Amino acid sequence: MEKLTGLIAAPYTPMHPDGSINSGIIPDMVQHLQKEEVAGVFICGTTGEGASLTVDERMLLAEQWVANAGDELVVIVHVGHNSVYEARKLAEHAQSIPAHSIAALAPSFFKPASIDSLVSYCASVAEAAPALPFFYYHIPSITGLNLAVPEFLHAGSKHIPTLSGVKFSASDLMQFHRCATMESGRYTMFFGSDEMLLGALAMGAEAAVGSTYNYAAPNSAGMMEAFKKGDMETAQRFADHAVALVEVLLKHGVIQAGKAIMAMRGIDCGEVRLPLMPLSAEQKKSLYEDVRALAIFKNVDLERPS
């Protein structure tokens, strides 16, 4: 299986004012992401509020993304679910449409207690889509599960024929490096913390999945290019911009602020779904002022919130 490289955007799930899915805006999102020159999309994950969506909604989104992405964007469908049967249903559906690949985070209520139980869960999910590459989604800050990923890859390779890598959304760069160099770099390791991408590049990252690549991909793409050329001064400048952006997101609410920034870029993805709370009109205006002051958006047109 060919390794994926470059930037993968984690799209926001577009919603109507009543909270229903606004799949009609996905063609505009695809066109926007093509202009941002990302390599693909990772749908229905954390940024996409996947855990707050119904299985039917997730299937609808997967269908629309695959139908509109064409050959321009790789579509990775997150199929993780606390119920392994629902996860298998989502995986089977992803293969039927067909998506490029699937990913699954670990159950977060009844958590796998060992590497063996995590491998068993992932193997069951992957089995439902035997023709698609499978990626484990490691995000301990959300799932509360922090089993050693290198051990998972070692054990998983024996039981998951389609195991292709990991979406690694954690700050443990030593562990990331162990995974990236395992078996002569066999696995695709998506780094998932946008503000730490430069450090991950130094540890062997060649691909990344993140929310900021929806609207600020050129900055991180420039960082990756400068790093490849050995121009660390330029790479550091791009990294400074990425950190400043994430600081603004943390100040206002990462997913809420991200959706608001998309609206500033001309793509209205609507509001977040409960239990997340939307930004007020005043909060959006404050966010706009913070965003407009960032160097990362110096040459980008931004629409002022009404």
Protein backbone atom coordinates (compact mmCIF):
# COMPACT_ATOMS: atom_id res chain seq x y z
CA MET A 1 0.00 0.00 0.00
CA GLU A 2 1.39 3.36 -1.07
CA LYS A 3 2.23 5.76 1.74
CA LEU A 4 0.32 9.03 1.87
CA THR A 5 2.24 12.28 2.19
CA GLY A 6 1.48 15.99 2.52
CA LEU A 7 -1.32 17.82 4.27
CA ILE A 8 -4.75 16.30 4.89
CA ALA A 9 -7.50 18.69 6.04
CA ALA A 10 -9.92 17.60 8.76
CA PRO A 11 -13.10 19.30 7.48
CA TYR A 12 -15.80 20.81 9.63
CA THR A 13 -19.23 19.26 9.33
CA PRO A 14 -21.47 21.88 7.69
CA MET A 15 -24.78 22.42 9.45
CA HIS A 16 -27.97 24.37 8.84
CA PRO A 17 -29.21 26.80 11.54
CA ASP A 18 -31.52 24.07 12.87
CA GLY A 19 -28.53 21.76 13.40
CA SER A 20 -29.21 19.42 10.47
CA ILE A 21 -26.45 18.51 8.03
CA ASN A 22 -25.89 20.98 5.20
CA SER A 23 -24.35 18.59 2.68
CA GLY A 24 -25.09 21.01 -0.16
CA ILE A 25 -22.06 23.10 0.78
CA ILE A 26 -19.60 20.23 0.39
CA PRO A 27 -18.89 21.00 -3.31
CA ASP A 28 -17.83 24.52 -2.25
CA MET A 29 -15.66 23.04 0.50
CA VAL A 30 -14.01 20.71 -2.00
CA GLN A 31 -13.30 23.58 -4.39
CA HIS A 32 -11.86 25.66 -1.54
CA LEU A 33 -9.61 22.83 -0.34
CA GLN A 34 -8.38 22.19 -3.87
CA LYS A 35 -7.28 25.84 -3.98
CA GLU A 36 -5.53 25.36 -0.64
CA GLU A 37 -3.70 22.46 -2.36
CA VAL A 38 -4.18 19.87 0.37
CA ALA A 39 -3.79 16.22 -0.56
CA GLY A 40 -7.03 14.98 0.97
CA VAL A 41 -9.60 15.07 3.75
CA PHE A 42 -10.10 13.16 7.01
CA ILE A 43 -13.86 13.35 7.60
CA CYS A 44 -16.05 12.84 10.69
CA GLY A 45 -13.17 12.96 13.15
CA THR A 46 -12.79 15.35 16.07
CA THR A 47 -12.93 18.52 13.98
CA GLY A 48 -15.91 17.12 12.09
CA GLU A 49 -17.77 16.49 15.38
CA GLY A 50 -18.07 12.83 14.39
CA ALA A 51 -18.99 11.66 17.90
CA SER A 52 -21.97 14.05 17.89
CA LEU A 53 -23.36 12.78 14.59
CA THR A 54 -25.71 9.89 13.93
CA VAL A 55 -24.51 6.92 11.90
CA ASP A 56 -26.86 7.92 9.08
CA GLU A 57 -25.43 11.44 9.06
CA ARG A 58 -21.90 10.10 8.92
CA MET A 59 -22.80 7.88 5.98
CA LEU A 60 -24.39 10.82 4.16
CA LEU A 61 -21.29 12.94 4.68
CA ALA A 62 -19.01 10.14 3.48
CA GLU A 63 -21.10 9.71 0.34
CA GLN A 64 -21.06 13.42 -0.43
CA TRP A 65 -17.33 13.84 0.16
CA VAL A 66 -16.45 10.84 -2.03
CA ALA A 67 -18.87 11.93 -4.76
CA ASN A 68 -17.47 15.47 -4.90
CA ALA A 69 -13.77 14.90 -4.20
CA GLY A 70 -13.15 13.05 -7.46
CA ASP A 71 -9.50 12.32 -8.15
CA GLU A 72 -8.30 15.57 -6.58
CA LEU A 73 -8.68 14.72 -2.90
CA VAL A 74 -8.06 11.49 -1.01
CA VAL A 75 -11.03 10.79 1.31
CA ILE A 76 -10.25 9.07 4.62
CA VAL A 77 -13.43 8.24 6.55
CA HIS A 78 -13.28 8.08 10.32
CA VAL A 79 -15.51 5.16 11.33
CA GLY A 80 -14.71 4.85 15.03
CA HIS A 81 -17.64 4.35 17.40
CA ASN A 82 -18.16 3.14 20.97
CA SER A 83 -20.18 0.28 19.47
CA VAL A 84 -17.97 -2.00 17.40
CA TYR A 85 -21.03 -3.00 15.37
CA GLU A 86 -21.76 0.59 14.39
CA ALA A 87 -18.08 1.06 13.57
CA ARG A 88 -18.20 -2.03 11.33
CA LYS A 89 -21.33 -0.70 9.63
CA LEU A 90 -19.57 2.59 8.90
CA ALA A 91 -16.48 0.76 7.65
CA GLU A 92 -18.50 -1.47 5.33
CA HIS A 93 -20.30 1.60 4.00
CA ALA A 94 -17.01 3.46 3.42
CA GLN A 95 -15.79 0.58 1.28
CA SER A 96 -19.02 0.46 -0.71
CA ILE A 97 -18.91 4.10 -1.86
CA PRO A 98 -15.77 3.67 -2.09
CA ALA A 99 -13.55 5.84 0.12
CA HIS A 100 -9.76 5.73 -0.11
CA SER A 101 -9.29 4.44 3.43
CA ILE A 102 -10.78 4.29 6.92
CA ALA A 103 -9.63 5.25 10.40
CA ALA A 104 -10.93 4.53 13.87
CA LEU A 105 -10.23 5.91 17.32
CA ALA A 106 -10.52 3.63 20.31
CA PRO A 107 -13.80 3.35 22.23
CA SER A 108 -13.82 6.00 24.94
CA PHE A 109 -16.48 4.73 27.39
CA PHE A 110 -15.52 1.10 27.90
CA LYS A 111 -11.86 1.53 27.01
CA PRO A 112 -9.55 -1.23 25.75
CA ALA A 113 -7.52 -2.30 28.78
CA SER A 114 -4.55 -3.64 26.85
CA ILE A 115 -2.82 -3.64 23.49
CA ASP A 116 -4.46 -6.98 22.74
CA SER A 117 -7.98 -5.63 23.34
CA LEU A 118 -7.24 -2.52 21.24
CA VAL A 119 -5.91 -4.67 18.42
CA SER A 120 -8.99 -6.92 18.64
CA TYR A 121 -11.32 -3.92 18.35
CA CYS A 122 -9.41 -2.43 15.41
CA ALA A 123 -9.15 -5.80 13.68
CA SER A 124 -12.91 -6.24 13.87
CA VAL A 125 -13.51 -2.79 12.37
CA ALA A 126 -10.90 -3.23 9.64
CA GLU A 127 -12.30 -6.65 8.76
CA ALA A 128 -15.55 -4.99 7.63
CA ALA A 129 -13.65 -3.08 4.92
CA PRO A 130 -10.97 -5.56 3.79
CA ALA A 131 -10.20 -3.63 0.59
CA LEU A 132 -9.39 -0.33 2.32
CA PRO A 133 -6.24 0.76 4.19
CA PHE A 134 -6.89 1.07 7.94
CA PHE A 135 -5.44 3.75 10.23
CA TYR A 136 -5.60 3.79 14.02
CA TYR A 137 -6.56 7.23 15.36
CA HIS A 138 -4.49 7.92 18.49
CA ILE A 139 -5.85 10.92 20.41
CA PRO A 140 -5.45 10.28 24.15
CA SER A 141 -6.62 13.77 25.15
CA ILE A 142 -10.09 12.81 23.86
CA THR A 143 -10.32 9.05 24.41
CA GLY A 144 -8.38 8.91 27.67
CA LEU A 145 -6.53 5.90 26.21
CA ASN A 146 -2.75 6.19 26.01
CA LEU A 147 -1.50 2.71 25.18
CA ALA A 148 1.91 2.62 23.47
CA VAL A 149 1.41 3.11 19.74
CA PRO A 150 4.62 1.31 18.68
CA GLU A 151 3.41 -1.75 20.58
CA PHE A 152 0.02 -1.45 18.86
CA LEU A 153 1.67 -1.38 15.42
CA HIS A 154 3.87 -4.35 16.28
CA ALA A 155 0.94 -6.44 17.52
CA GLY A 156 -1.55 -5.08 15.01
CA SER A 157 0.58 -6.00 12.02
CA LYS A 158 -0.01 -9.65 12.87
CA HIS A 159 -3.80 -9.40 13.02
CA ILE A 160 -4.85 -6.49 10.79
CA PRO A 161 -3.83 -7.16 7.17
CA THR A 162 -4.84 -3.65 6.06
CA LEU A 163 -3.06 -1.78 8.88
CA SER A 164 -1.41 1.17 7.13
CA GLY A 165 -0.49 3.58 9.90
CA VAL A 166 -1.69 6.00 12.55
CA LYS A 167 -3.22 9.42 12.89
CA PHE A 168 -1.04 10.49 15.81
CA SER A 169 -2.65 13.38 17.70
CA ALA A 170 -0.38 13.56 20.74
CA SER A 171 2.72 15.46 21.83
CA ASP A 172 5.00 12.46 22.46
CA LEU A 173 7.47 12.99 19.63
CA MET A 174 9.76 10.20 20.81
CA GLN A 175 6.92 7.70 20.44
CA PHE A 176 6.01 9.24 17.08
CA HIS A 177 9.59 8.81 15.86
CA ARG A 178 9.62 5.16 16.90
CA CYS A 179 6.48 4.59 14.82
CA ALA A 180 7.73 6.60 11.83
CA THR A 181 10.96 4.61 11.63
CA MET A 182 9.48 1.20 12.43
CA GLU A 183 10.13 -1.49 9.79
CA SER A 184 12.10 0.93 7.59
CA GLY A 185 9.32 3.52 7.59
CA ARG A 186 6.61 1.12 6.50
CA TYR A 187 3.69 3.02 8.04
CA THR A 188 2.02 6.28 7.08
CA MET A 189 2.19 8.39 10.23
CA PHE A 190 -0.16 11.37 10.09
CA PHE A 191 0.90 13.94 12.66
CA GLY A 192 -2.18 15.53 14.20
CA SER A 193 -1.03 18.52 16.29
CA ASP A 194 -0.76 21.41 13.86
CA GLU A 195 1.19 23.70 16.19
CA MET A 196 3.96 21.10 16.63
CA LEU A 197 4.37 20.05 13.00
CA LEU A 198 7.92 21.38 12.68
CA GLY A 199 9.07 19.19 15.57
CA ALA A 200 7.32 16.21 14.00
CA LEU A 201 9.06 16.84 10.67
CA ALA A 202 12.37 16.58 12.50
CA MET A 203 11.15 13.24 13.89
CA GLY A 204 10.28 11.81 10.48
CA ALA A 205 6.79 13.09 9.66
CA GLU A 206 5.90 13.23 5.97
CA ALA A 207 2.14 13.67 6.36
CA ALA A 208 -0.20 15.56 8.66
CA VAL A 209 -3.92 15.77 9.39
CA GLY A 210 -5.28 18.94 10.96
CA SER A 211 -8.09 21.44 11.25
CA THR A 212 -6.00 24.51 10.38
CA TYR A 213 -5.27 23.00 6.97
CA ASN A 214 -8.86 23.91 6.08
CA TYR A 215 -7.98 27.59 5.91
CA ALA A 216 -4.23 28.01 6.50
CA ALA A 217 -2.66 25.10 4.59
CA PRO A 218 -0.19 27.26 2.60
CA ASN A 219 1.61 28.17 5.82
CA SER A 220 2.22 24.55 6.83
CA ALA A 221 2.98 23.53 3.25
CA GLY A 222 5.60 26.28 3.17
CA MET A 223 7.02 24.98 6.45
CA MET A 224 7.34 21.48 5.03
CA GLU A 225 9.01 22.75 1.87
CA ALA A 226 11.46 24.94 3.79
CA PHE A 227 12.32 22.02 6.08
CA LYS A 228 13.04 19.77 3.09
CA LYS A 229 15.40 22.41 1.71
CA GLY A 230 17.16 22.78 5.06
CA ASP A 231 16.01 26.39 5.38
CA MET A 232 15.31 26.26 9.11
CA GLU A 233 14.94 30.02 9.51
CA THR A 234 12.00 30.07 7.11
CA ALA A 235 10.56 26.87 8.55
CA GLN A 236 10.72 28.38 12.05
CA ARG A 237 8.92 31.50 10.86
CA PHE A 238 6.09 29.39 9.46
CA ALA A 239 6.03 27.42 12.74
CA ASP A 240 5.73 30.69 14.70
CA HIS A 241 2.68 31.58 12.59
CA ALA A 242 1.09 28.18 13.24
CA VAL A 243 1.59 28.50 17.00
CA ALA A 244 0.10 31.99 17.05
CA LEU A 245 -2.95 30.71 15.16
CA VAL A 246 -3.52 27.80 17.53
CA GLU A 247 -3.22 30.16 20.51
CA VAL A 248 -6.12 32.16 19.06
CA LEU A 249 -8.15 28.99 18.52
CA LEU A 250 -7.58 27.89 22.10
CA LYS A 251 -8.66 31.31 23.35
CA HIS A 252 -12.01 31.20 21.56
CA GLY A 253 -12.80 27.45 21.39
CA VAL A 254 -10.97 25.36 18.81
CA ILE A 255 -13.85 23.91 16.75
CA GLN A 256 -16.17 26.89 17.19
CA ALA A 257 -13.43 29.31 16.17
CA GLY A 258 -12.44 27.13 13.24
CA LYS A 259 -15.95 27.13 11.85
CA ALA A 260 -16.10 30.91 12.28
CA ILE A 261 -12.79 31.32 10.43
CA MET A 262 -14.17 29.22 7.58
CA ALA A 263 -17.06 31.70 7.34
CA MET A 264 -14.49 34.51 7.21
CA ARG A 265 -12.91 32.66 4.28
CA GLY A 266 -16.31 32.59 2.54
CA ILE A 267 -17.35 29.00 3.42
CA ASP A 268 -20.19 29.07 5.96
CA CYS A 269 -20.17 25.72 7.78
CA GLY A 270 -22.76 26.88 10.30
CA GLU A 271 -22.53 26.37 14.05
CA VAL A 272 -21.38 23.54 16.28
CA ARG A 273 -23.68 20.89 17.75
CA LEU A 274 -24.40 20.45 21.46
CA PRO A 275 -22.74 19.91 23.85
CA LEU A 276 -20.35 22.37 22.17
CA MET A 277 -21.61 25.93 22.38
CA PRO A 278 -21.59 28.37 19.45
CA LEU A 279 -19.82 31.71 19.60
CA SER A 280 -21.95 34.77 20.19
CA ALA A 281 -21.95 37.66 17.71
CA GLU A 282 -19.61 39.61 19.99
CA GLN A 283 -17.27 36.65 20.37
CA LYS A 284 -17.11 36.27 16.60
CA LYS A 285 -16.21 39.94 16.22
CA SER A 286 -13.47 39.55 18.84
CA LEU A 287 -12.19 36.44 17.04
CA TYR A 288 -12.15 38.36 13.76
CA GLU A 289 -9.94 41.06 15.24
CA ASP A 290 -7.55 38.43 16.64
CA VAL A 291 -7.45 36.54 13.34
CA ARG A 292 -6.97 39.65 11.24
CA ALA A 293 -3.89 40.54 13.30
CA LEU A 294 -2.19 37.20 12.56
CA ALA A 295 0.68 37.18 10.08
CA ILE A 296 -0.64 33.90 8.69
CA PHE A 297 -3.59 35.78 7.15
CA LYS A 298 -1.62 38.83 5.98
CA ASN A 299 -2.49 38.29 2.30
CA VAL A 300 -5.87 36.55 2.78
CA ASP A 301 -9.24 38.22 2.34
CA LEU A 302 -11.42 37.79 5.42
CA GLU A 303 -15.12 38.57 5.68
CA ARG A 304 -16.08 40.51 8.81
CA PRO A 305 -18.83 38.78 10.88
CA SER A 306 -22.14 40.61 10.70
